[in-house]
Amino acid sequence: MKRYAALVLVSALAACDRLDELQYDPPITGEQWCADRPCVEVGSTVLNEPLGTVLVFTLAALWVGVGIYFLITGRGQRSRSWLGVALVLGGLGAAQAGVSFQAFSYELKCAGREFCSFTNGFEVGYSLTQAWSVSAMLIAVAIACALGRGRRAVIVYAVLNALVYCVVLFLGVMQPSKFLLSFELLMLFAVPGIIIVIVMALRRYRTTHDRAPRAILIAAVALILVNVAYFGYYALGITEALWDSGAGFYFSANDVLHVGMIAWLIYVAAALGPTLADRVSPE
């Protein structure tokens, strides 16, 4: 098994070189890349999206910080430990996204190339950590809101969902495939888990009216609204309208997502920090 796992890892790392084969449609040159977003030269390095970079690394630090808070204040509660793991993984993913989507996007995707590449290893790492983050979060909620077979079923689903996504991601790297590596496909794997969280939290709250399931329910709905805002902002082309080919202000759909997630994490820390605990017996 160890040999097989090592072979898979080596194959995936070797296949990462093929990610350069994926390009935007239509192709984008480095000059076009910097016309579509802020590019700042610092010595011999081109940095991108200063505001977006600050936002995404602030989000990453907050995500890890809140995760460590739940781990430190575990109080013997497995739900708190799993939520802490989920948030730390989310923070690591956000940091990888910040490197590739914001700060060093030109250097990683366009520098030295005729046309900019579509993705890279940092973005694959982001997708991987986010998938496991969502599954760990689902496990945390299952332990906090469910019992018996229901809890076990949700935990099994969470693990299988992440494992299947890993296979899909591996295939996306090996082929390579834009769709299999896309953020949209990642969301398709994540959305059922969020719906399960809402159902579990709603059932627990209707039975007990406790603060924790209510906070989980609000957090899950808020997470959906943040992603709706992201996709809506992107679909309406607001980024391009505000940027106005460099004459205006750059605030992208990713920035909307990051601001929303910062607010979401603050709520999670404030509302679930004092209240999250394992469900140990039927009401």
C-alpha atoms as a PDB file:
ATOM      1  CA  MET A   1       0.000   0.000   0.000  1.00  0.00           C
ATOM      2  CA  LYS A   2       2.832   2.397   0.857  1.00  0.00           C
ATOM      3  CA  ARG A   3       4.534   1.647  -2.457  1.00  0.00           C
ATOM      4  CA  TYR A   4       1.274   2.247  -4.320  1.00  0.00           C
ATOM      5  CA  ALA A   5       0.686   5.529  -2.506  1.00  0.00           C
ATOM      6  CA  ALA A   6       4.257   6.637  -3.260  1.00  0.00           C
ATOM      7  CA  LEU A   7       3.806   5.723  -6.928  1.00  0.00           C
ATOM      8  CA  VAL A   8       0.594   7.755  -7.117  1.00  0.00           C
ATOM      9  CA  LEU A   9       2.309  10.730  -5.470  1.00  0.00           C
ATOM     10  CA  VAL A  10       5.307  10.599  -7.795  1.00  0.00           C
ATOM     11  CA  SER A  11       3.021  10.270 -10.826  1.00  0.00           C
ATOM     12  CA  ALA A  12       0.950  13.265  -9.711  1.00  0.00           C
ATOM     13  CA  LEU A  13       4.014  15.415  -9.149  1.00  0.00           C
ATOM     14  CA  ALA A  14       5.411  14.465 -12.547  1.00  0.00           C
ATOM     15  CA  ALA A  15       2.064  15.197 -14.192  1.00  0.00           C
ATOM     16  CA  CYS A  16       2.005  18.691 -12.654  1.00  0.00           C
ATOM     17  CA  ASP A  17       4.389  19.728 -15.423  1.00  0.00           C
ATOM     18  CA  ARG A  18       1.582  19.008 -17.872  1.00  0.00           C
ATOM     19  CA  LEU A  19      -0.579  21.679 -16.262  1.00  0.00           C
ATOM     20  CA  ASP A  20       1.297  24.199 -18.408  1.00  0.00           C
ATOM     21  CA  GLU A  21      -0.492  22.677 -21.392  1.00  0.00           C
ATOM     22  CA  LEU A  22      -3.764  24.192 -20.192  1.00  0.00           C
ATOM     23  CA  GLN A  23      -4.336  27.731 -21.442  1.00  0.00           C
ATOM     24  CA  TYR A  24      -7.167  30.209 -21.327  1.00  0.00           C
ATOM     25  CA  ASP A  25      -9.680  30.263 -24.169  1.00  0.00           C
ATOM     26  CA  PRO A  26      -9.030  32.546 -25.961  1.00  0.00           C
ATOM     27  CA  PRO A  27      -5.305  32.582 -25.074  1.00  0.00           C
ATOM     28  CA  ILE A  28      -4.055  35.454 -22.889  1.00  0.00           C
ATOM     29  CA  THR A  29      -0.615  37.049 -23.195  1.00  0.00           C
ATOM     30  CA  GLY A  30       1.306  38.477 -20.256  1.00  0.00           C
ATOM     31  CA  GLU A  31       0.590  41.976 -21.527  1.00  0.00           C
ATOM     32  CA  GLN A  32      -3.135  41.273 -21.571  1.00  0.00           C
ATOM     33  CA  TRP A  33      -2.896  39.759 -18.092  1.00  0.00           C
ATOM     34  CA  CYS A  34      -1.574  43.018 -16.686  1.00  0.00           C
ATOM     35  CA  ALA A  35      -4.118  45.050 -18.640  1.00  0.00           C
ATOM     36  CA  ASP A  36      -6.926  43.102 -16.956  1.00  0.00           C
ATOM     37  CA  ARG A  37      -5.684  43.522 -13.370  1.00  0.00           C
ATOM     38  CA  PRO A  38      -3.168  45.599 -11.352  1.00  0.00           C
ATOM     39  CA  CYS A  39       0.473  44.605 -11.900  1.00  0.00           C
ATOM     40  CA  VAL A  40       3.180  46.159  -9.741  1.00  0.00           C
ATOM     41  CA  GLU A  41       6.881  45.691 -10.498  1.00  0.00           C
ATOM     42  CA  VAL A  42       9.023  45.144  -7.407  1.00  0.00           C
ATOM     43  CA  GLY A  43      12.582  44.786  -8.602  1.00  0.00           C
ATOM     44  CA  SER A  44      12.512  42.021 -11.185  1.00  0.00           C
ATOM     45  CA  THR A  45       9.261  40.542  -9.873  1.00  0.00           C
ATOM     46  CA  VAL A  46       5.745  41.407 -10.993  1.00  0.00           C
ATOM     47  CA  LEU A  47       3.194  41.353  -8.159  1.00  0.00           C
ATOM     48  CA  ASN A  48      -0.552  41.376  -8.772  1.00  0.00           C
ATOM     49  CA  GLU A  49      -3.665  42.748  -7.090  1.00  0.00           C
ATOM     50  CA  PRO A  50      -2.248  44.454  -3.965  1.00  0.00           C
ATOM     51  CA  LEU A  51      -5.662  44.832  -2.294  1.00  0.00           C
ATOM     52  CA  GLY A  52      -6.675  41.284  -3.144  1.00  0.00           C
ATOM     53  CA  THR A  53      -3.348  39.986  -1.822  1.00  0.00           C
ATOM     54  CA  VAL A  54      -3.865  41.729   1.522  1.00  0.00           C
ATOM     55  CA  LEU A  55      -7.422  40.393   1.765  1.00  0.00           C
ATOM     56  CA  VAL A  56      -6.602  36.777   0.927  1.00  0.00           C
ATOM     57  CA  PHE A  57      -3.630  36.522   3.290  1.00  0.00           C
ATOM     58  CA  THR A  58      -5.632  38.225   6.031  1.00  0.00           C
ATOM     59  CA  LEU A  59      -8.303  35.592   5.429  1.00  0.00           C
ATOM     60  CA  ALA A  60      -5.729  32.778   5.497  1.00  0.00           C
ATOM     61  CA  ALA A  61      -4.253  34.006   8.785  1.00  0.00           C
ATOM     62  CA  LEU A  62      -7.706  34.421  10.345  1.00  0.00           C
ATOM     63  CA  TRP A  63      -8.773  30.988   9.128  1.00  0.00           C
ATOM     64  CA  VAL A  64      -5.722  29.310  10.688  1.00  0.00           C
ATOM     65  CA  GLY A  65      -5.997  31.430  13.845  1.00  0.00           C
ATOM     66  CA  VAL A  66      -9.643  30.531  14.440  1.00  0.00           C
ATOM     67  CA  GLY A  67      -8.830  26.887  13.701  1.00  0.00           C
ATOM     68  CA  ILE A  68      -6.040  26.875  16.289  1.00  0.00           C
ATOM     69  CA  TYR A  69      -8.451  28.484  18.771  1.00  0.00           C
ATOM     70  CA  PHE A  70     -10.881  25.571  18.390  1.00  0.00           C
ATOM     71  CA  LEU A  71      -8.044  23.054  18.686  1.00  0.00           C
ATOM     72  CA  ILE A  72      -6.650  24.686  21.822  1.00  0.00           C
ATOM     73  CA  THR A  73     -10.092  24.960  23.423  1.00  0.00           C
ATOM     74  CA  GLY A  74     -11.090  21.428  22.451  1.00  0.00           C
ATOM     75  CA  ARG A  75     -12.342  20.616  25.990  1.00  0.00           C
ATOM     76  CA  GLY A  76     -12.360  16.953  25.016  1.00  0.00           C
ATOM     77  CA  GLN A  77     -15.004  17.639  22.368  1.00  0.00           C
ATOM     78  CA  ARG A  78     -14.324  15.912  19.065  1.00  0.00           C
ATOM     79  CA  SER A  79     -16.554  18.347  17.191  1.00  0.00           C
ATOM     80  CA  ARG A  80     -14.314  21.234  18.241  1.00  0.00           C
ATOM     81  CA  SER A  81     -11.170  19.356  17.205  1.00  0.00           C
ATOM     82  CA  TRP A  82     -12.608  18.479  13.787  1.00  0.00           C
ATOM     83  CA  LEU A  83     -13.770  22.043  13.229  1.00  0.00           C
ATOM     84  CA  GLY A  84     -10.283  23.249  14.177  1.00  0.00           C
ATOM     85  CA  VAL A  85      -8.737  20.872  11.623  1.00  0.00           C
ATOM     86  CA  ALA A  86     -11.228  22.034   8.992  1.00  0.00           C
ATOM     87  CA  LEU A  87     -10.415  25.699   9.546  1.00  0.00           C
ATOM     88  CA  VAL A  88      -6.638  25.188   9.563  1.00  0.00           C
ATOM     89  CA  LEU A  89      -6.911  23.293   6.260  1.00  0.00           C
ATOM     90  CA  GLY A  90      -9.071  26.108   4.885  1.00  0.00           C
ATOM     91  CA  GLY A  91      -6.415  28.617   5.880  1.00  0.00           C
ATOM     92  CA  LEU A  92      -3.651  26.644   4.181  1.00  0.00           C
ATOM     93  CA  GLY A  93      -5.806  26.491   1.069  1.00  0.00           C
ATOM     94  CA  ALA A  94      -6.463  30.229   1.155  1.00  0.00           C
ATOM     95  CA  ALA A  95      -2.723  30.907   1.413  1.00  0.00           C
ATOM     96  CA  GLN A  96      -2.053  28.763  -1.659  1.00  0.00           C
ATOM     97  CA  ALA A  97      -4.832  30.571  -3.501  1.00  0.00           C
ATOM     98  CA  GLY A  98      -3.312  33.906  -2.532  1.00  0.00           C
ATOM     99  CA  VAL A  99       0.036  32.915  -3.993  1.00  0.00           C
ATOM    100  CA  SER A 100      -1.371  31.798  -7.336  1.00  0.00           C
ATOM    101  CA  PHE A 101      -4.587  33.745  -7.906  1.00  0.00           C
ATOM    102  CA  GLN A 102      -3.394  37.057  -6.492  1.00  0.00           C
ATOM    103  CA  ALA A 103       0.170  37.924  -5.439  1.00  0.00           C
ATOM    104  CA  PHE A 104       2.282  35.917  -7.896  1.00  0.00           C
ATOM    105  CA  SER A 105      -0.264  35.101 -10.596  1.00  0.00           C
ATOM    106  CA  TYR A 106       1.773  36.773 -13.357  1.00  0.00           C
ATOM    107  CA  GLU A 107       5.033  35.143 -12.282  1.00  0.00           C
ATOM    108  CA  LEU A 108       3.479  31.678 -12.023  1.00  0.00           C
ATOM    109  CA  LYS A 109       1.233  31.794 -15.063  1.00  0.00           C
ATOM    110  CA  CYS A 110       2.675  34.246 -17.571  1.00  0.00           C
ATOM    111  CA  ALA A 111       6.348  35.045 -17.003  1.00  0.00           C
ATOM    112  CA  GLY A 112       8.537  33.588 -19.764  1.00  0.00           C
ATOM    113  CA  ARG A 113       5.548  32.228 -21.687  1.00  0.00           C
ATOM    114  CA  GLU A 114       3.958  33.304 -24.945  1.00  0.00           C
ATOM    115  CA  PHE A 115       0.520  32.636 -23.433  1.00  0.00           C
ATOM    116  CA  CYS A 116      -0.456  32.443 -19.769  1.00  0.00           C
ATOM    117  CA  SER A 117      -1.168  29.007 -18.298  1.00  0.00           C
ATOM    118  CA  PHE A 118      -4.594  28.241 -16.860  1.00  0.00           C
ATOM    119  CA  THR A 119      -3.548  26.703 -13.545  1.00  0.00           C
ATOM    120  CA  ASN A 120      -0.627  25.301 -11.524  1.00  0.00           C
ATOM    121  CA  GLY A 121       0.308  23.189  -8.531  1.00  0.00           C
ATOM    122  CA  PHE A 122      -0.642  25.850  -5.973  1.00  0.00           C
ATOM    123  CA  GLU A 123      -4.209  25.884  -7.281  1.00  0.00           C
ATOM    124  CA  VAL A 124      -4.375  22.084  -7.240  1.00  0.00           C
ATOM    125  CA  GLY A 125      -3.176  22.217  -3.626  1.00  0.00           C
ATOM    126  CA  TYR A 126      -5.861  24.779  -2.842  1.00  0.00           C
ATOM    127  CA  SER A 127      -8.595  22.530  -4.241  1.00  0.00           C
ATOM    128  CA  LEU A 128      -7.259  19.525  -2.339  1.00  0.00           C
ATOM    129  CA  THR A 129      -7.101  21.261   1.045  1.00  0.00           C
ATOM    130  CA  GLN A 130     -10.523  22.870   0.548  1.00  0.00           C
ATOM    131  CA  ALA A 131     -12.127  19.509  -0.224  1.00  0.00           C
ATOM    132  CA  TRP A 132     -10.763  17.985   2.981  1.00  0.00           C
ATOM    133  CA  SER A 133     -11.646  21.147   4.902  1.00  0.00           C
ATOM    134  CA  VAL A 134     -15.305  20.845   3.899  1.00  0.00           C
ATOM    135  CA  SER A 135     -15.334  17.147   4.813  1.00  0.00           C
ATOM    136  CA  ALA A 136     -13.728  17.786   8.196  1.00  0.00           C
ATOM    137  CA  MET A 137     -16.309  20.515   8.837  1.00  0.00           C
ATOM    138  CA  LEU A 138     -19.102  18.092   7.956  1.00  0.00           C
ATOM    139  CA  ILE A 139     -17.678  15.549  10.407  1.00  0.00           C
ATOM    140  CA  ALA A 140     -17.572  18.220  13.127  1.00  0.00           C
ATOM    141  CA  VAL A 141     -21.232  19.074  12.589  1.00  0.00           C
ATOM    142  CA  ALA A 142     -22.217  15.387  12.510  1.00  0.00           C
ATOM    143  CA  ILE A 143     -20.607  14.886  15.910  1.00  0.00           C
ATOM    144  CA  ALA A 144     -22.287  18.037  17.265  1.00  0.00           C
ATOM    145  CA  CYS A 145     -25.771  17.385  15.873  1.00  0.00           C
ATOM    146  CA  ALA A 146     -26.306  13.685  15.129  1.00  0.00           C
ATOM    147  CA  LEU A 147     -26.134  10.320  16.873  1.00  0.00           C
ATOM    148  CA  GLY A 148     -25.870   6.651  16.015  1.00  0.00           C
ATOM    149  CA  ARG A 149     -26.346   5.524  12.441  1.00  0.00           C
ATOM    150  CA  GLY A 150     -27.078   9.029  11.204  1.00  0.00           C
ATOM    151  CA  ARG A 151     -23.757  10.305  12.517  1.00  0.00           C
ATOM    152  CA  ARG A 152     -21.835   7.341  11.120  1.00  0.00           C
ATOM    153  CA  ALA A 153     -23.492   7.700   7.727  1.00  0.00           C
ATOM    154  CA  VAL A 154     -22.566  11.381   7.483  1.00  0.00           C
ATOM    155  CA  ILE A 155     -18.967  10.704   8.546  1.00  0.00           C
ATOM    156  CA  VAL A 156     -18.623   7.924   5.957  1.00  0.00           C
ATOM    157  CA  TYR A 157     -20.097  10.219   3.296  1.00  0.00           C
ATOM    158  CA  ALA A 158     -17.688  13.029   4.241  1.00  0.00           C
ATOM    159  CA  VAL A 159     -14.635  10.778   3.938  1.00  0.00           C
ATOM    160  CA  LEU A 160     -15.809   9.171   0.676  1.00  0.00           C
ATOM    161  CA  ASN A 161     -16.665  12.562  -0.816  1.00  0.00           C
ATOM    162  CA  ALA A 162     -13.142  13.840  -0.154  1.00  0.00           C
ATOM    163  CA  LEU A 163     -11.531  10.622  -1.418  1.00  0.00           C
ATOM    164  CA  VAL A 164     -13.571  10.644  -4.641  1.00  0.00           C
ATOM    165  CA  TYR A 165     -12.677  14.289  -5.191  1.00  0.00           C
ATOM    166  CA  CYS A 166      -8.998  13.409  -4.730  1.00  0.00           C
ATOM    167  CA  VAL A 167      -9.349  10.811  -7.499  1.00  0.00           C
ATOM    168  CA  VAL A 168     -11.093  13.357  -9.738  1.00  0.00           C
ATOM    169  CA  LEU A 169      -8.381  15.919  -9.010  1.00  0.00           C
ATOM    170  CA  PHE A 170      -5.670  13.341  -9.766  1.00  0.00           C
ATOM    171  CA  LEU A 171      -7.320  12.545 -13.099  1.00  0.00           C
ATOM    172  CA  GLY A 172      -7.576  16.254 -13.821  1.00  0.00           C
ATOM    173  CA  VAL A 173      -3.836  16.636 -13.304  1.00  0.00           C
ATOM    174  CA  MET A 174      -2.954  13.536 -15.296  1.00  0.00           C
ATOM    175  CA  GLN A 175      -5.037  14.374 -18.397  1.00  0.00           C
ATOM    176  CA  PRO A 176      -4.928  17.439 -17.791  1.00  0.00           C
ATOM    177  CA  SER A 177      -8.536  18.759 -17.725  1.00  0.00           C
ATOM    178  CA  LYS A 178      -9.805  22.271 -17.042  1.00  0.00           C
ATOM    179  CA  PHE A 179     -13.197  21.040 -15.885  1.00  0.00           C
ATOM    180  CA  LEU A 180     -11.854  18.452 -13.447  1.00  0.00           C
ATOM    181  CA  LEU A 181      -9.573  21.107 -11.922  1.00  0.00           C
ATOM    182  CA  SER A 182     -12.189  23.873 -11.859  1.00  0.00           C
ATOM    183  CA  PHE A 183     -13.513  25.760  -8.835  1.00  0.00           C
ATOM    184  CA  GLU A 184     -17.025  25.041 -10.102  1.00  0.00           C
ATOM    185  CA  LEU A 185     -16.497  21.264  -9.827  1.00  0.00           C
ATOM    186  CA  LEU A 186     -15.047  21.715  -6.353  1.00  0.00           C
ATOM    187  CA  MET A 187     -18.268  23.534  -5.397  1.00  0.00           C
ATOM    188  CA  LEU A 188     -20.368  20.689  -6.824  1.00  0.00           C
ATOM    189  CA  PHE A 189     -18.630  18.337  -4.399  1.00  0.00           C
ATOM    190  CA  ALA A 190     -18.991  20.794  -1.503  1.00  0.00           C
ATOM    191  CA  VAL A 191     -22.651  21.841  -1.875  1.00  0.00           C
ATOM    192  CA  PRO A 192     -24.223  18.494  -0.811  1.00  0.00           C
ATOM    193  CA  GLY A 193     -22.191  18.640   2.398  1.00  0.00           C
ATOM    194  CA  ILE A 194     -23.458  22.145   3.152  1.00  0.00           C
ATOM    195  CA  ILE A 195     -27.047  20.991   2.567  1.00  0.00           C
ATOM    196  CA  ILE A 196     -26.488  18.055   4.951  1.00  0.00           C
ATOM    197  CA  VAL A 197     -25.147  20.505   7.551  1.00  0.00           C
ATOM    198  CA  ILE A 198     -28.286  22.640   7.214  1.00  0.00           C
ATOM    199  CA  VAL A 199     -30.561  19.605   7.604  1.00  0.00           C
ATOM    200  CA  MET A 200     -28.711  18.297  10.676  1.00  0.00           C
ATOM    201  CA  ALA A 201     -28.531  21.685  12.367  1.00  0.00           C
ATOM    202  CA  LEU A 202     -32.190  22.458  11.643  1.00  0.00           C
ATOM    203  CA  ARG A 203     -33.359  19.124  13.060  1.00  0.00           C
ATOM    204  CA  ARG A 204     -31.263  19.567  16.190  1.00  0.00           C
ATOM    205  CA  TYR A 205     -32.396  23.168  16.697  1.00  0.00           C
ATOM    206  CA  ARG A 206     -36.085  22.313  16.279  1.00  0.00           C
ATOM    207  CA  THR A 207     -35.673  19.698  19.017  1.00  0.00           C
ATOM    208  CA  THR A 208     -33.526  21.592  21.521  1.00  0.00           C
ATOM    209  CA  HIS A 209     -33.512  25.312  20.555  1.00  0.00           C
ATOM    210  CA  ASP A 210     -29.862  25.349  21.675  1.00  0.00           C
ATOM    211  CA  ARG A 211     -27.534  28.140  20.573  1.00  0.00           C
ATOM    212  CA  ALA A 212     -24.960  25.881  18.898  1.00  0.00           C
ATOM    213  CA  PRO A 213     -27.217  24.294  16.232  1.00  0.00           C
ATOM    214  CA  ARG A 214     -28.759  27.693  15.532  1.00  0.00           C
ATOM    215  CA  ALA A 215     -25.284  29.158  15.027  1.00  0.00           C
ATOM    216  CA  ILE A 216     -24.330  26.233  12.755  1.00  0.00           C
ATOM    217  CA  LEU A 217     -27.498  26.766  10.724  1.00  0.00           C
ATOM    218  CA  ILE A 218     -26.841  30.489  10.332  1.00  0.00           C
ATOM    219  CA  ALA A 219     -23.209  29.845   9.414  1.00  0.00           C
ATOM    220  CA  ALA A 220     -24.171  27.295   6.732  1.00  0.00           C
ATOM    221  CA  VAL A 221     -26.752  29.615   5.156  1.00  0.00           C
ATOM    222  CA  ALA A 222     -24.280  32.514   5.307  1.00  0.00           C
ATOM    223  CA  LEU A 223     -21.658  30.375   3.560  1.00  0.00           C
ATOM    224  CA  ILE A 224     -24.078  29.727   0.705  1.00  0.00           C
ATOM    225  CA  LEU A 225     -24.922  33.441   0.457  1.00  0.00           C
ATOM    226  CA  VAL A 226     -21.228  34.361   0.290  1.00  0.00           C
ATOM    227  CA  ASN A 227     -20.727  31.983  -2.631  1.00  0.00           C
ATOM    228  CA  VAL A 228     -23.885  33.246  -4.352  1.00  0.00           C
ATOM    229  CA  ALA A 229     -22.469  36.777  -4.035  1.00  0.00           C
ATOM    230  CA  TYR A 230     -19.187  35.579  -5.570  1.00  0.00           C
ATOM    231  CA  PHE A 231     -20.822  33.926  -8.580  1.00  0.00           C
ATOM    232  CA  GLY A 232     -23.299  36.777  -9.028  1.00  0.00           C
ATOM    233  CA  TYR A 233     -20.564  39.424  -8.959  1.00  0.00           C
ATOM    234  CA  TYR A 234     -18.539  37.394 -11.457  1.00  0.00           C
ATOM    235  CA  ALA A 235     -21.481  36.771 -13.798  1.00  0.00           C
ATOM    236  CA  LEU A 236     -22.458  40.446 -13.879  1.00  0.00           C
ATOM    237  CA  GLY A 237     -18.945  41.493 -14.941  1.00  0.00           C
ATOM    238  CA  ILE A 238     -18.683  44.072 -12.161  1.00  0.00           C
ATOM    239  CA  THR A 239     -14.927  43.617 -11.866  1.00  0.00           C
ATOM    240  CA  GLU A 240     -14.347  44.727 -15.449  1.00  0.00           C
ATOM    241  CA  ALA A 241     -16.788  47.639 -15.137  1.00  0.00           C
ATOM    242  CA  LEU A 242     -15.055  48.966 -12.024  1.00  0.00           C
ATOM    243  CA  TRP A 243     -11.549  48.396 -13.391  1.00  0.00           C
ATOM    244  CA  ASP A 244     -12.372  50.133 -16.700  1.00  0.00           C
ATOM    245  CA  SER A 245      -9.155  48.940 -18.414  1.00  0.00           C
ATOM    246  CA  GLY A 246      -6.974  50.412 -15.679  1.00  0.00           C
ATOM    247  CA  ALA A 247      -8.742  53.750 -15.310  1.00  0.00           C
ATOM    248  CA  GLY A 248     -10.854  52.676 -12.361  1.00  0.00           C
ATOM    249  CA  PHE A 249     -10.699  50.611  -9.158  1.00  0.00           C
ATOM    250  CA  TYR A 250      -9.944  46.881  -9.096  1.00  0.00           C
ATOM    251  CA  PHE A 251     -12.214  44.814  -6.846  1.00  0.00           C
ATOM    252  CA  SER A 252     -12.712  41.285  -8.138  1.00  0.00           C
ATOM    253  CA  ALA A 253     -15.168  38.486  -7.449  1.00  0.00           C
ATOM    254  CA  ASN A 254     -12.390  36.816  -5.436  1.00  0.00           C
ATOM    255  CA  ASP A 255     -12.219  39.938  -3.265  1.00  0.00           C
ATOM    256  CA  VAL A 256     -15.969  39.696  -2.671  1.00  0.00           C
ATOM    257  CA  LEU A 257     -15.484  36.060  -1.646  1.00  0.00           C
ATOM    258  CA  HIS A 258     -12.612  36.908   0.682  1.00  0.00           C
ATOM    259  CA  VAL A 259     -14.413  39.782   2.418  1.00  0.00           C
ATOM    260  CA  GLY A 260     -17.458  37.568   2.874  1.00  0.00           C
ATOM    261  CA  MET A 261     -15.357  34.720   4.268  1.00  0.00           C
ATOM    262  CA  ILE A 262     -13.596  37.051   6.716  1.00  0.00           C
ATOM    263  CA  ALA A 263     -17.002  38.107   8.069  1.00  0.00           C
ATOM    264  CA  TRP A 264     -18.082  34.443   8.125  1.00  0.00           C
ATOM    265  CA  LEU A 265     -15.053  33.376  10.160  1.00  0.00           C
ATOM    266  CA  ILE A 266     -15.586  36.161  12.676  1.00  0.00           C
ATOM    267  CA  TYR A 267     -19.167  34.953  13.129  1.00  0.00           C
ATOM    268  CA  VAL A 268     -18.054  31.311  13.506  1.00  0.00           C
ATOM    269  CA  ALA A 269     -15.519  32.249  16.190  1.00  0.00           C
ATOM    270  CA  ALA A 270     -17.974  34.475  18.071  1.00  0.00           C
ATOM    271  CA  ALA A 271     -21.059  32.239  17.836  1.00  0.00           C
ATOM    272  CA  LEU A 272     -19.592  28.722  17.952  1.00  0.00           C
ATOM    273  CA  GLY A 273     -16.489  29.398  20.048  1.00  0.00           C
ATOM    274  CA  PRO A 274     -18.391  29.412  23.367  1.00  0.00           C
ATOM    275  CA  THR A 275     -21.094  26.886  22.420  1.00  0.00           C
ATOM    276  CA  LEU A 276     -19.901  24.072  20.131  1.00  0.00           C
ATOM    277  CA  ALA A 277     -19.926  20.671  21.843  1.00  0.00           C
ATOM    278  CA  ASP A 278     -20.543  17.005  21.018  1.00  0.00           C
ATOM    279  CA  ARG A 279     -24.023  15.573  21.099  1.00  0.00           C
ATOM    280  CA  VAL A 280     -23.803  12.715  23.584  1.00  0.00           C
ATOM    281  CA  SER A 281     -27.356  11.474  24.182  1.00  0.00           C
ATOM    282  CA  PRO A 282     -30.849  11.707  22.713  1.00  0.00           C
ATOM    283  CA  GLU A 283     -32.973  14.642  23.820  1.00  0.00           C
END
